[in-house]
Amino acid sequence: MSIAKQATEKLFAALNRADEIGGEVRDFVQERVVTDPRYVAARKRLAKLMGRQYESRGEARQKEAVQAQKVAAKAATVETTAKSVRAGFGDPELKAQIFGKKSCPWSGRAITLLERHKVDFDWIDLEEPEHEAKLVPLANETKQTTVPYVYLRGQFIGGFNALSEVERLGQLEIAMMSAAERAAAPAHQKSVEIVARPNTDEIAPADKDASAE
């Protein structure tokens, strides 16, 4: 081994040792010296002579920051894509949604059922001018001809009769679980399938004025 190479290795070892020194000297080396451009340049040259690579603390932090930004950007893209591809009126971020009419007794019954279970829900009155245009798209999406249109965690289940059936079967709490809650639920709850029961019948004569199921 040449004298120059021996000297280089000793110097490289000494510099490595300097990084490990405890107390105030270590703090000085780690917080000031190791970030000094001249020191970094010298370490890189020595590492290159030894056939190695040296990454400064600043470079490591910058790499971590870039990686964190990439992860955040990817997560934001996934979230944006999920929102953009989500079709229809169902919102999985909401426990329950009722698209109905204030004049419809069945819409009122659906509201009462959810209130009885102290469920936070989103109510959309299709008789309000700003929501009237939703009626036809809702019918096309759900294949249901009457109000109310009830969604639980973004899944259309039907009208009041369907909601009442979900309650009767003891599935209401499960139907309102988020995806994360469902994944962490016991196996017997994970296996529960919430089936949509759209009401496709025409409005009964007695209910025509109420626009009910």
N, C-alpha and C. Protein backbone atom coordinates (compact mmCIF):
# COMPACT_ATOMS: atom_id res chain seq x y z
N MET A 1 0.85 -1.19 0.00
CA MET A 1 0.00 0.00 0.00
C MET A 1 0.89 1.24 0.00
N SER A 2 0.61 2.20 -0.87
CA SER A 2 1.44 3.39 -0.97
C SER A 2 1.27 4.27 0.25
N ILE A 3 2.31 5.09 0.48
CA ILE A 3 2.27 6.00 1.64
C ILE A 3 1.11 6.98 1.50
N ALA A 4 0.88 7.45 0.27
CA ALA A 4 -0.21 8.41 0.05
C ALA A 4 -1.57 7.80 0.38
N LYS A 5 -1.75 6.53 -0.02
CA LYS A 5 -3.04 5.88 0.24
C LYS A 5 -3.22 5.64 1.73
N GLN A 6 -2.09 5.24 2.42
CA GLN A 6 -2.16 5.04 3.86
C GLN A 6 -2.55 6.34 4.56
N ALA A 7 -1.92 7.42 4.12
CA ALA A 7 -2.22 8.71 4.73
C ALA A 7 -3.67 9.11 4.50
N THR A 8 -4.16 8.82 3.30
CA THR A 8 -5.56 9.14 2.98
C THR A 8 -6.52 8.35 3.86
N GLU A 9 -6.24 7.06 4.04
CA GLU A 9 -7.10 6.22 4.88
C GLU A 9 -7.09 6.71 6.32
N LYS A 10 -5.91 7.09 6.81
CA LYS A 10 -5.82 7.57 8.19
C LYS A 10 -6.62 8.87 8.35
N LEU A 11 -6.49 9.73 7.37
CA LEU A 11 -7.23 10.99 7.44
C LEU A 11 -8.73 10.74 7.36
N PHE A 12 -9.11 9.83 6.48
CA PHE A 12 -10.53 9.49 6.35
C PHE A 12 -11.07 8.91 7.65
N ALA A 13 -10.27 8.02 8.29
CA ALA A 13 -10.67 7.43 9.56
C ALA A 13 -10.76 8.49 10.65
N ALA A 14 -9.83 9.44 10.63
CA ALA A 14 -9.85 10.50 11.62
C ALA A 14 -11.08 11.37 11.47
N LEU A 15 -11.44 11.65 10.23
CA LEU A 15 -12.64 12.44 10.00
C LEU A 15 -13.90 11.70 10.45
N ASN A 16 -13.93 10.40 10.18
CA ASN A 16 -15.06 9.59 10.65
C ASN A 16 -15.14 9.60 12.16
N ARG A 17 -13.98 9.51 12.77
CA ARG A 17 -13.93 9.51 14.23
C ARG A 17 -14.41 10.85 14.78
N ALA A 18 -14.07 11.92 14.06
CA ALA A 18 -14.49 13.25 14.51
C ALA A 18 -16.00 13.36 14.57
N ASP A 19 -16.67 12.68 13.63
CA ASP A 19 -18.14 12.70 13.63
C ASP A 19 -18.72 12.00 14.85
N GLU A 20 -17.96 11.12 15.48
CA GLU A 20 -18.48 10.31 16.57
C GLU A 20 -18.08 10.84 17.94
N ILE A 21 -17.23 11.86 17.95
CA ILE A 21 -16.76 12.40 19.24
C ILE A 21 -17.94 12.96 20.01
N GLY A 22 -17.99 12.68 21.32
CA GLY A 22 -19.10 13.12 22.14
C GLY A 22 -18.95 14.54 22.63
N GLY A 23 -19.98 15.01 23.37
CA GLY A 23 -19.94 16.30 24.02
C GLY A 23 -19.98 17.47 23.06
N GLU A 24 -19.39 18.56 23.46
CA GLU A 24 -19.44 19.81 22.71
C GLU A 24 -18.71 19.70 21.39
N VAL A 25 -17.61 18.96 21.35
CA VAL A 25 -16.86 18.80 20.11
C VAL A 25 -17.73 18.12 19.06
N ARG A 26 -18.44 17.08 19.49
CA ARG A 26 -19.32 16.36 18.56
C ARG A 26 -20.40 17.29 18.02
N ASP A 27 -21.00 18.07 18.91
CA ASP A 27 -22.03 19.00 18.48
C ASP A 27 -21.49 20.00 17.47
N PHE A 28 -20.26 20.47 17.75
CA PHE A 28 -19.65 21.44 16.83
C PHE A 28 -19.40 20.81 15.47
N VAL A 29 -18.87 19.57 15.49
CA VAL A 29 -18.57 18.89 14.24
C VAL A 29 -19.84 18.60 13.46
N GLN A 30 -20.86 18.07 14.15
CA GLN A 30 -22.07 17.66 13.47
C GLN A 30 -22.91 18.83 12.98
N GLU A 31 -22.99 19.88 13.79
CA GLU A 31 -23.88 20.97 13.45
C GLU A 31 -23.23 22.06 12.60
N ARG A 32 -21.89 22.16 12.64
CA ARG A 32 -21.24 23.24 11.90
C ARG A 32 -20.25 22.73 10.86
N VAL A 33 -19.31 21.94 11.32
CA VAL A 33 -18.27 21.51 10.40
C VAL A 33 -18.83 20.66 9.28
N VAL A 34 -19.68 19.66 9.62
CA VAL A 34 -20.15 18.73 8.60
C VAL A 34 -21.05 19.39 7.57
N THR A 35 -21.51 20.61 7.87
CA THR A 35 -22.34 21.32 6.90
C THR A 35 -21.54 22.38 6.13
N ASP A 36 -20.27 22.55 6.50
CA ASP A 36 -19.43 23.53 5.82
C ASP A 36 -19.10 23.01 4.41
N PRO A 37 -19.33 23.82 3.37
CA PRO A 37 -19.08 23.38 1.99
C PRO A 37 -17.65 22.89 1.77
N ARG A 38 -16.67 23.53 2.42
CA ARG A 38 -15.28 23.11 2.25
C ARG A 38 -15.06 21.73 2.84
N TYR A 39 -15.65 21.51 4.00
CA TYR A 39 -15.53 20.20 4.65
C TYR A 39 -16.20 19.12 3.80
N VAL A 40 -17.41 19.43 3.30
CA VAL A 40 -18.15 18.48 2.48
C VAL A 40 -17.36 18.14 1.22
N ALA A 41 -16.79 19.19 0.58
CA ALA A 41 -16.01 18.97 -0.64
C ALA A 41 -14.80 18.10 -0.37
N ALA A 42 -14.13 18.33 0.78
CA ALA A 42 -12.96 17.53 1.13
C ALA A 42 -13.35 16.07 1.37
N ARG A 43 -14.45 15.86 2.07
CA ARG A 43 -14.91 14.50 2.34
C ARG A 43 -15.26 13.77 1.05
N LYS A 44 -15.86 14.50 0.12
CA LYS A 44 -16.22 13.88 -1.16
C LYS A 44 -14.96 13.47 -1.94
N ARG A 45 -13.95 14.35 -1.93
CA ARG A 45 -12.71 14.03 -2.65
C ARG A 45 -12.02 12.81 -2.04
N LEU A 46 -11.97 12.78 -0.70
CA LEU A 46 -11.34 11.65 -0.02
C LEU A 46 -12.13 10.36 -0.26
N ALA A 47 -13.44 10.46 -0.22
CA ALA A 47 -14.28 9.28 -0.45
C ALA A 47 -14.06 8.76 -1.86
N LYS A 48 -13.93 9.68 -2.82
CA LYS A 48 -13.71 9.28 -4.21
C LYS A 48 -12.37 8.56 -4.37
N LEU A 49 -11.35 9.05 -3.65
CA LEU A 49 -10.04 8.39 -3.69
C LEU A 49 -10.11 6.97 -3.13
N MET A 50 -11.02 6.77 -2.16
CA MET A 50 -11.20 5.45 -1.53
C MET A 50 -12.20 4.59 -2.29
N GLY A 51 -12.74 5.12 -3.39
CA GLY A 51 -13.71 4.34 -4.14
C GLY A 51 -15.06 4.29 -3.46
N ARG A 52 -15.34 5.30 -2.67
CA ARG A 52 -16.60 5.34 -1.94
C ARG A 52 -17.38 6.59 -2.33
N GLN A 53 -18.56 6.72 -1.70
CA GLN A 53 -19.38 7.90 -1.91
C GLN A 53 -19.67 8.53 -0.56
N TYR A 54 -19.68 9.83 -0.52
CA TYR A 54 -19.99 10.53 0.73
C TYR A 54 -21.19 11.43 0.50
N GLU A 55 -22.17 11.29 1.37
CA GLU A 55 -23.38 12.11 1.30
C GLU A 55 -23.43 12.98 2.54
N SER A 56 -23.42 14.28 2.35
CA SER A 56 -23.44 15.20 3.48
C SER A 56 -24.80 15.18 4.16
N ARG A 57 -24.81 15.72 5.37
CA ARG A 57 -26.07 15.76 6.10
C ARG A 57 -27.10 16.62 5.37
N GLY A 58 -26.64 17.72 4.79
CA GLY A 58 -27.55 18.58 4.05
C GLY A 58 -28.15 17.86 2.86
N GLU A 59 -27.31 17.09 2.16
CA GLU A 59 -27.80 16.34 1.00
C GLU A 59 -28.81 15.28 1.43
N ALA A 60 -28.52 14.65 2.57
CA ALA A 60 -29.44 13.62 3.08
C ALA A 60 -30.79 14.23 3.44
N ARG A 61 -30.73 15.41 4.09
CA ARG A 61 -31.98 16.07 4.47
C ARG A 61 -32.76 16.51 3.23
N GLN A 62 -32.03 17.00 2.25
CA GLN A 62 -32.69 17.44 1.02
C GLN A 62 -33.34 16.26 0.31
N LYS A 63 -32.65 15.12 0.30
CA LYS A 63 -33.20 13.93 -0.33
C LYS A 63 -34.47 13.48 0.41
N GLU A 64 -34.44 13.54 1.75
CA GLU A 64 -35.61 13.15 2.54
C GLU A 64 -36.78 14.09 2.26
N ALA A 65 -36.45 15.40 2.14
CA ALA A 65 -37.51 16.38 1.87
C ALA A 65 -38.14 16.15 0.50
N VAL A 66 -37.29 15.86 -0.49
CA VAL A 66 -37.80 15.59 -1.84
C VAL A 66 -38.69 14.36 -1.84
N GLN A 67 -38.23 13.31 -1.12
CA GLN A 67 -39.01 12.08 -1.05
C GLN A 67 -40.35 12.32 -0.36
N ALA A 68 -40.32 13.13 0.72
CA ALA A 68 -41.56 13.45 1.43
C ALA A 68 -42.53 14.21 0.52
N GLN A 69 -41.98 15.12 -0.29
CA GLN A 69 -42.82 15.88 -1.21
C GLN A 69 -43.44 14.96 -2.26
N LYS A 70 -42.66 13.98 -2.73
CA LYS A 70 -43.17 13.03 -3.72
C LYS A 70 -44.31 12.20 -3.14
N VAL A 71 -44.11 11.75 -1.89
CA VAL A 71 -45.15 10.95 -1.23
C VAL A 71 -46.42 11.76 -1.05
N ALA A 72 -46.25 13.03 -0.59
CA ALA A 72 -47.41 13.90 -0.39
C ALA A 72 -48.12 14.18 -1.70
N ALA A 73 -47.33 14.41 -2.75
CA ALA A 73 -47.91 14.70 -4.06
C ALA A 73 -48.68 13.49 -4.58
N LYS A 74 -48.12 12.29 -4.37
CA LYS A 74 -48.79 11.08 -4.82
C LYS A 74 -50.10 10.86 -4.08
N ALA A 75 -50.06 11.11 -2.75
CA ALA A 75 -51.27 10.94 -1.95
C ALA A 75 -52.35 11.92 -2.40
N ALA A 76 -51.93 13.17 -2.69
CA ALA A 76 -52.88 14.19 -3.14
C ALA A 76 -53.48 13.81 -4.49
N THR A 77 -52.63 13.23 -5.36
CA THR A 77 -53.10 12.82 -6.68
C THR A 77 -54.11 11.69 -6.57
N VAL A 78 -53.81 10.73 -5.68
CA VAL A 78 -54.73 9.60 -5.48
C VAL A 78 -56.07 10.09 -4.96
N GLU A 79 -56.01 11.04 -3.99
CA GLU A 79 -57.25 11.56 -3.42
C GLU A 79 -58.05 12.32 -4.47
N THR A 80 -57.35 13.13 -5.25
CA THR A 80 -58.04 13.91 -6.29
C THR A 80 -58.66 13.00 -7.34
N THR A 81 -57.89 11.96 -7.72
CA THR A 81 -58.40 11.01 -8.71
C THR A 81 -59.63 10.28 -8.18
N ALA A 82 -59.56 9.87 -6.91
CA ALA A 82 -60.68 9.15 -6.30
C ALA A 82 -61.94 10.01 -6.32
N LYS A 83 -61.76 11.31 -6.03
CA LYS A 83 -62.91 12.20 -6.02
C LYS A 83 -63.45 12.43 -7.42
N SER A 84 -62.53 12.52 -8.39
CA SER A 84 -62.96 12.80 -9.75
C SER A 84 -63.65 11.62 -10.41
N VAL A 85 -63.24 10.40 -10.04
CA VAL A 85 -63.84 9.23 -10.67
C VAL A 85 -65.08 8.74 -9.93
N ARG A 86 -65.32 9.32 -8.72
CA ARG A 86 -66.49 8.90 -7.98
C ARG A 86 -67.73 9.37 -8.72
N ALA A 87 -68.51 8.42 -9.17
CA ALA A 87 -69.68 8.76 -9.97
C ALA A 87 -70.90 8.89 -9.08
N GLY A 88 -71.86 9.70 -9.54
CA GLY A 88 -73.15 9.75 -8.88
C GLY A 88 -73.19 10.64 -7.66
N PHE A 89 -74.24 10.41 -6.87
CA PHE A 89 -74.56 11.28 -5.75
C PHE A 89 -74.05 10.77 -4.41
N GLY A 90 -73.67 9.51 -4.34
CA GLY A 90 -73.23 8.94 -3.08
C GLY A 90 -71.87 9.45 -2.65
N ASP A 91 -71.78 9.89 -1.40
CA ASP A 91 -70.51 10.38 -0.85
C ASP A 91 -70.09 9.46 0.31
N PRO A 92 -69.02 8.65 0.13
CA PRO A 92 -68.60 7.73 1.17
C PRO A 92 -68.07 8.40 2.44
N GLU A 93 -67.85 9.72 2.36
CA GLU A 93 -67.38 10.42 3.55
C GLU A 93 -68.54 10.76 4.48
N LEU A 94 -69.76 10.61 3.99
CA LEU A 94 -70.94 10.89 4.82
C LEU A 94 -71.60 9.59 5.26
N LYS A 95 -72.02 9.54 6.51
CA LYS A 95 -72.68 8.33 7.01
C LYS A 95 -73.98 8.07 6.25
N ALA A 96 -74.74 9.11 6.05
CA ALA A 96 -76.04 8.93 5.38
C ALA A 96 -76.42 10.18 4.62
N GLN A 97 -77.14 9.96 3.52
CA GLN A 97 -77.69 11.05 2.72
C GLN A 97 -79.13 10.69 2.37
N ILE A 98 -79.99 11.69 2.44
CA ILE A 98 -81.37 11.50 2.04
C ILE A 98 -81.72 12.56 1.01
N PHE A 99 -82.03 12.11 -0.19
CA PHE A 99 -82.54 13.00 -1.23
C PHE A 99 -84.05 12.78 -1.25
N GLY A 100 -84.81 13.74 -0.76
CA GLY A 100 -86.25 13.55 -0.67
C GLY A 100 -87.01 14.83 -0.90
N LYS A 101 -88.25 14.82 -0.44
CA LYS A 101 -89.10 16.00 -0.57
C LYS A 101 -89.76 16.29 0.77
N LYS A 102 -89.79 17.56 1.12
CA LYS A 102 -90.35 17.96 2.41
C LYS A 102 -91.81 17.53 2.51
N SER A 103 -92.52 17.52 1.37
CA SER A 103 -93.93 17.17 1.37
C SER A 103 -94.17 15.66 1.40
N CYS A 104 -93.12 14.87 1.29
CA CYS A 104 -93.25 13.42 1.22
C CYS A 104 -93.16 12.79 2.60
N PRO A 105 -94.21 12.09 3.05
CA PRO A 105 -94.18 11.46 4.38
C PRO A 105 -93.11 10.39 4.49
N TRP A 106 -92.80 9.71 3.40
CA TRP A 106 -91.78 8.67 3.46
C TRP A 106 -90.39 9.27 3.65
N SER A 107 -90.16 10.43 3.09
CA SER A 107 -88.90 11.14 3.34
C SER A 107 -88.82 11.50 4.83
N GLY A 108 -89.95 11.97 5.37
CA GLY A 108 -89.98 12.30 6.79
C GLY A 108 -89.72 11.10 7.67
N ARG A 109 -90.25 9.94 7.27
CA ARG A 109 -90.02 8.72 8.05
C ARG A 109 -88.55 8.31 8.02
N ALA A 110 -87.92 8.48 6.86
CA ALA A 110 -86.49 8.15 6.75
C ALA A 110 -85.67 9.05 7.67
N ILE A 111 -86.04 10.33 7.69
CA ILE A 111 -85.35 11.28 8.57
C ILE A 111 -85.54 10.88 10.03
N THR A 112 -86.78 10.55 10.38
CA THR A 112 -87.09 10.16 11.76
C THR A 112 -86.30 8.93 12.18
N LEU A 113 -86.20 7.95 11.28
CA LEU A 113 -85.46 6.72 11.59
C LEU A 113 -84.00 7.02 11.90
N LEU A 114 -83.37 7.84 11.08
CA LEU A 114 -81.96 8.17 11.31
C LEU A 114 -81.79 9.01 12.57
N GLU A 115 -82.73 9.93 12.80
CA GLU A 115 -82.64 10.76 14.01
C GLU A 115 -82.82 9.92 15.26
N ARG A 116 -83.66 8.89 15.17
CA ARG A 116 -83.87 7.99 16.31
C ARG A 116 -82.58 7.28 16.69
N HIS A 117 -81.76 7.00 15.67
CA HIS A 117 -80.47 6.35 15.92
C HIS A 117 -79.32 7.36 16.09
N LYS A 118 -79.70 8.64 16.17
CA LYS A 118 -78.73 9.73 16.37
C LYS A 118 -77.64 9.71 15.31
N VAL A 119 -78.07 9.55 14.07
CA VAL A 119 -77.14 9.51 12.94
C VAL A 119 -77.04 10.89 12.30
N ASP A 120 -75.81 11.33 12.08
CA ASP A 120 -75.61 12.56 11.32
C ASP A 120 -75.83 12.27 9.85
N PHE A 121 -76.69 13.03 9.21
CA PHE A 121 -76.99 12.76 7.80
C PHE A 121 -77.12 14.06 7.04
N ASP A 122 -77.02 13.95 5.73
CA ASP A 122 -77.15 15.10 4.83
C ASP A 122 -78.53 15.04 4.18
N TRP A 123 -79.30 16.10 4.33
CA TRP A 123 -80.65 16.14 3.78
C TRP A 123 -80.69 17.09 2.58
N ILE A 124 -81.18 16.59 1.46
CA ILE A 124 -81.32 17.40 0.25
C ILE A 124 -82.78 17.39 -0.15
N ASP A 125 -83.39 18.56 -0.09
CA ASP A 125 -84.82 18.68 -0.44
C ASP A 125 -84.93 18.92 -1.94
N LEU A 126 -85.44 17.94 -2.65
CA LEU A 126 -85.55 18.01 -4.11
C LEU A 126 -86.64 18.96 -4.58
N GLU A 127 -87.40 19.53 -3.64
CA GLU A 127 -88.40 20.53 -4.00
C GLU A 127 -87.82 21.94 -4.01
N GLU A 128 -86.60 22.06 -3.46
CA GLU A 128 -85.94 23.36 -3.50
C GLU A 128 -85.46 23.63 -4.92
N PRO A 129 -85.61 24.84 -5.41
CA PRO A 129 -85.24 25.16 -6.80
C PRO A 129 -83.82 24.74 -7.17
N GLU A 130 -82.88 24.91 -6.25
CA GLU A 130 -81.49 24.58 -6.58
C GLU A 130 -81.23 23.08 -6.67
N HIS A 131 -82.18 22.26 -6.19
CA HIS A 131 -81.99 20.81 -6.21
C HIS A 131 -82.96 20.07 -7.15
N GLU A 132 -83.90 20.78 -7.74
CA GLU A 132 -84.90 20.13 -8.60
C GLU A 132 -84.25 19.36 -9.75
N ALA A 133 -83.16 19.89 -10.27
CA ALA A 133 -82.50 19.26 -11.42
C ALA A 133 -81.86 17.91 -11.07
N LYS A 134 -81.74 17.60 -9.81
CA LYS A 134 -81.12 16.33 -9.41
C LYS A 134 -82.08 15.15 -9.54
N LEU A 135 -83.36 15.43 -9.61
CA LEU A 135 -84.35 14.36 -9.56
C LEU A 135 -84.20 13.34 -10.69
N VAL A 136 -84.09 13.81 -11.92
CA VAL A 136 -83.97 12.90 -13.07
C VAL A 136 -82.65 12.13 -13.02
N PRO A 137 -81.50 12.79 -12.79
CA PRO A 137 -80.24 12.03 -12.67
C PRO A 137 -80.28 10.99 -11.55
N LEU A 138 -80.94 11.31 -10.45
CA LEU A 138 -81.06 10.35 -9.36
C LEU A 138 -81.85 9.12 -9.81
N ALA A 139 -82.94 9.35 -10.49
CA ALA A 139 -83.75 8.23 -10.98
C ALA A 139 -82.96 7.39 -11.98
N ASN A 140 -82.20 8.05 -12.84
CA ASN A 140 -81.39 7.31 -13.82
C ASN A 140 -80.29 6.50 -13.13
N GLU A 141 -79.68 7.08 -12.11
CA GLU A 141 -78.58 6.40 -11.41
C GLU A 141 -79.08 5.22 -10.58
N THR A 142 -80.20 5.40 -9.91
CA THR A 142 -80.66 4.40 -8.95
C THR A 142 -81.68 3.42 -9.52
N LYS A 143 -82.26 3.76 -10.66
CA LYS A 143 -83.34 2.94 -11.25
C LYS A 143 -84.54 2.91 -10.32
N GLN A 144 -84.67 3.93 -9.49
CA GLN A 144 -85.80 4.04 -8.57
C GLN A 144 -86.66 5.21 -9.03
N THR A 145 -87.97 5.02 -8.94
CA THR A 145 -88.88 6.03 -9.48
C THR A 145 -89.50 6.93 -8.42
N THR A 146 -89.22 6.69 -7.15
CA THR A 146 -89.86 7.46 -6.09
C THR A 146 -88.83 7.99 -5.09
N VAL A 147 -89.27 8.98 -4.31
CA VAL A 147 -88.45 9.50 -3.22
C VAL A 147 -88.90 8.84 -1.92
N PRO A 148 -88.01 8.78 -0.92
CA PRO A 148 -86.66 9.34 -0.89
C PRO A 148 -85.62 8.40 -1.49
N TYR A 149 -84.47 8.98 -1.83
CA TYR A 149 -83.30 8.20 -2.25
C TYR A 149 -82.33 8.21 -1.07
N VAL A 150 -82.07 7.04 -0.54
CA VAL A 150 -81.23 6.96 0.67
C VAL A 150 -79.88 6.33 0.34
N TYR A 151 -78.82 7.02 0.75
CA TYR A 151 -77.46 6.52 0.57
C TYR A 151 -76.82 6.36 1.94
N LEU A 152 -76.16 5.23 2.15
CA LEU A 152 -75.40 5.00 3.37
C LEU A 152 -73.93 4.80 3.00
N ARG A 153 -73.08 5.69 3.50
CA ARG A 153 -71.65 5.67 3.15
C ARG A 153 -71.43 5.62 1.63
N GLY A 154 -72.22 6.40 0.93
CA GLY A 154 -72.05 6.51 -0.50
C GLY A 154 -72.74 5.44 -1.31
N GLN A 155 -73.32 4.43 -0.64
CA GLN A 155 -73.99 3.34 -1.36
C GLN A 155 -75.50 3.55 -1.33
N PHE A 156 -76.08 3.55 -2.51
CA PHE A 156 -77.52 3.67 -2.59
C PHE A 156 -78.16 2.39 -2.10
N ILE A 157 -79.14 2.52 -1.19
CA ILE A 157 -79.80 1.31 -0.67
C ILE A 157 -81.27 1.24 -1.05
N GLY A 158 -81.88 2.37 -1.46
CA GLY A 158 -83.29 2.37 -1.80
C GLY A 158 -84.00 3.53 -1.13
N GLY A 159 -85.26 3.34 -0.83
CA GLY A 159 -86.05 4.37 -0.17
C GLY A 159 -86.24 4.06 1.30
N PHE A 160 -87.37 4.55 1.87
CA PHE A 160 -87.61 4.32 3.29
C PHE A 160 -87.74 2.83 3.61
N ASN A 161 -88.45 2.08 2.77
CA ASN A 161 -88.64 0.65 3.04
C ASN A 161 -87.30 -0.08 3.10
N ALA A 162 -86.38 0.28 2.20
CA ALA A 162 -85.06 -0.36 2.20
C ALA A 162 -84.29 0.02 3.46
N LEU A 163 -84.36 1.30 3.84
CA LEU A 163 -83.68 1.75 5.06
C LEU A 163 -84.25 1.05 6.29
N SER A 164 -85.57 0.91 6.32
CA SER A 164 -86.22 0.23 7.44
C SER A 164 -85.80 -1.23 7.52
N GLU A 165 -85.62 -1.86 6.35
CA GLU A 165 -85.20 -3.26 6.31
C GLU A 165 -83.76 -3.41 6.81
N VAL A 166 -82.91 -2.49 6.44
CA VAL A 166 -81.53 -2.51 6.94
C VAL A 166 -81.52 -2.39 8.46
N GLU A 167 -82.39 -1.52 8.97
CA GLU A 167 -82.50 -1.37 10.43
C GLU A 167 -83.02 -2.67 11.06
N ARG A 168 -84.05 -3.25 10.46
CA ARG A 168 -84.66 -4.47 11.00
C ARG A 168 -83.66 -5.61 11.08
N LEU A 169 -82.78 -5.68 10.09
CA LEU A 169 -81.78 -6.75 10.05
C LEU A 169 -80.58 -6.46 10.95
N GLY A 170 -80.59 -5.32 11.62
CA GLY A 170 -79.48 -4.97 12.51
C GLY A 170 -78.21 -4.60 11.75
N GLN A 171 -78.38 -4.11 10.51
CA GLN A 171 -77.22 -3.81 9.67
C GLN A 171 -76.94 -2.32 9.53
N LEU A 172 -77.72 -1.49 10.20
CA LEU A 172 -77.59 -0.05 10.01
C LEU A 172 -76.21 0.45 10.43
N GLU A 173 -75.75 0.02 11.58
CA GLU A 173 -74.43 0.46 12.07
C GLU A 173 -73.32 0.02 11.12
N ILE A 174 -73.44 -1.20 10.62
CA ILE A 174 -72.43 -1.73 9.70
C ILE A 174 -72.46 -0.96 8.39
N ALA A 175 -73.66 -0.67 7.90
CA ALA A 175 -73.81 0.04 6.62
C ALA A 175 -73.22 1.44 6.67
N MET A 176 -73.11 2.01 7.86
CA MET A 176 -72.60 3.37 7.99
C MET A 176 -71.12 3.41 8.38
N MET A 177 -70.47 2.25 8.40
CA MET A 177 -69.04 2.21 8.70
C MET A 177 -68.24 2.75 7.52
N SER A 178 -67.17 3.44 7.83
CA SER A 178 -66.26 3.89 6.77
C SER A 178 -65.47 2.68 6.28
N ALA A 179 -64.74 2.84 5.20
CA ALA A 179 -63.94 1.73 4.67
C ALA A 179 -62.92 1.27 5.69
N ALA A 180 -62.30 2.22 6.40
CA ALA A 180 -61.30 1.88 7.40
C ALA A 180 -61.94 1.14 8.57
N GLU A 181 -63.11 1.61 9.00
CA GLU A 181 -63.82 0.95 10.11
C GLU A 181 -64.26 -0.46 9.71
N ARG A 182 -64.69 -0.60 8.48
CA ARG A 182 -65.14 -1.92 8.00
C ARG A 182 -63.95 -2.89 7.95
N ALA A 183 -62.78 -2.38 7.54
CA ALA A 183 -61.59 -3.22 7.44
C ALA A 183 -61.14 -3.71 8.82
N ALA A 184 -61.39 -2.88 9.84
CA ALA A 184 -60.96 -3.24 11.19
C ALA A 184 -62.05 -3.98 11.98
N ALA A 185 -63.21 -4.15 11.37
CA ALA A 185 -64.33 -4.79 12.06
C ALA A 185 -64.14 -6.30 12.14
N PRO A 186 -64.84 -6.95 13.08
CA PRO A 186 -64.78 -8.42 13.18
C PRO A 186 -65.25 -9.08 11.89
N ALA A 187 -64.84 -10.31 11.69
CA ALA A 187 -65.13 -11.02 10.45
C ALA A 187 -66.63 -11.11 10.17
N HIS A 188 -67.45 -11.30 11.21
CA HIS A 188 -68.89 -11.46 10.97
C HIS A 188 -69.53 -10.17 10.48
N GLN A 189 -68.89 -9.02 10.79
CA GLN A 189 -69.41 -7.75 10.29
C GLN A 189 -68.89 -7.47 8.89
N LYS A 190 -67.64 -7.85 8.63
CA LYS A 190 -67.08 -7.66 7.30
C LYS A 190 -67.86 -8.43 6.24
N SER A 191 -68.40 -9.57 6.64
CA SER A 191 -69.08 -10.43 5.67
C SER A 191 -70.50 -9.96 5.34
N VAL A 192 -71.00 -8.98 6.08
CA VAL A 192 -72.36 -8.49 5.84
C VAL A 192 -72.41 -7.72 4.53
N GLU A 193 -73.33 -8.08 3.68
CA GLU A 193 -73.50 -7.41 2.39
C GLU A 193 -74.76 -6.55 2.43
N ILE A 194 -74.58 -5.28 2.21
CA ILE A 194 -75.72 -4.36 2.20
C ILE A 194 -76.27 -4.33 0.78
N VAL A 195 -77.48 -4.80 0.62
CA VAL A 195 -78.08 -4.94 -0.70
C VAL A 195 -79.02 -3.78 -0.99
N ALA A 196 -78.87 -3.19 -2.16
CA ALA A 196 -79.77 -2.10 -2.57
C ALA A 196 -81.13 -2.68 -2.93
N ARG A 197 -82.18 -2.01 -2.48
CA ARG A 197 -83.55 -2.44 -2.78
C ARG A 197 -84.33 -1.25 -3.35
N PRO A 198 -84.04 -0.88 -4.58
CA PRO A 198 -84.74 0.27 -5.16
C PRO A 198 -86.22 -0.01 -5.35
N ASN A 199 -87.03 1.01 -5.12
CA ASN A 199 -88.47 0.90 -5.30
C ASN A 199 -88.79 1.31 -6.73
N THR A 200 -89.19 0.36 -7.53
CA THR A 200 -89.47 0.64 -8.95
C THR A 200 -90.96 0.74 -9.25
N ASP A 201 -91.79 0.62 -8.21
CA ASP A 201 -93.23 0.69 -8.43
C ASP A 201 -93.67 2.13 -8.66
N GLU A 202 -94.76 2.28 -9.38
CA GLU A 202 -95.35 3.60 -9.55
C GLU A 202 -95.95 4.05 -8.21
N ILE A 203 -96.13 5.35 -8.08
CA ILE A 203 -96.67 5.88 -6.84
C ILE A 203 -98.12 5.41 -6.66
N ALA A 204 -98.40 4.91 -5.47
CA ALA A 204 -99.75 4.43 -5.18
C ALA A 204 -100.72 5.61 -5.19
N PRO A 205 -101.97 5.38 -5.61
CA PRO A 205 -102.96 6.47 -5.70
C PRO A 205 -103.06 7.30 -4.42
N ALA A 206 -103.06 6.62 -3.29
CA ALA A 206 -103.22 7.34 -2.02
C ALA A 206 -102.02 8.22 -1.71
N ASP A 207 -100.89 7.94 -2.36
CA ASP A 207 -99.66 8.67 -2.05
C ASP A 207 -99.25 9.64 -3.15
N LYS A 208 -100.06 9.80 -4.16
CA LYS A 208 -99.66 10.62 -5.30
C LYS A 208 -99.38 12.06 -4.88
N ASP A 209 -100.24 12.57 -4.00
CA ASP A 209 -100.04 13.96 -3.58
C ASP A 209 -98.79 14.12 -2.74
N ALA A 210 -98.38 13.00 -2.11
CA ALA A 210 -97.21 13.09 -1.22
C ALA A 210 -95.93 12.71 -1.93
N SER A 211 -96.01 12.24 -3.16
CA SER A 211 -94.83 11.81 -3.94
C SER A 211 -94.02 10.79 -3.13
N ALA A 212 -94.71 9.76 -2.62
CA ALA A 212 -94.05 8.80 -1.72
C ALA A 212 -93.89 7.47 -2.36
N GLU A 213 -93.21 6.55 -1.61
CA GLU A 213 -93.00 5.20 -2.10
C GLU A 213 -94.32 4.44 -2.04
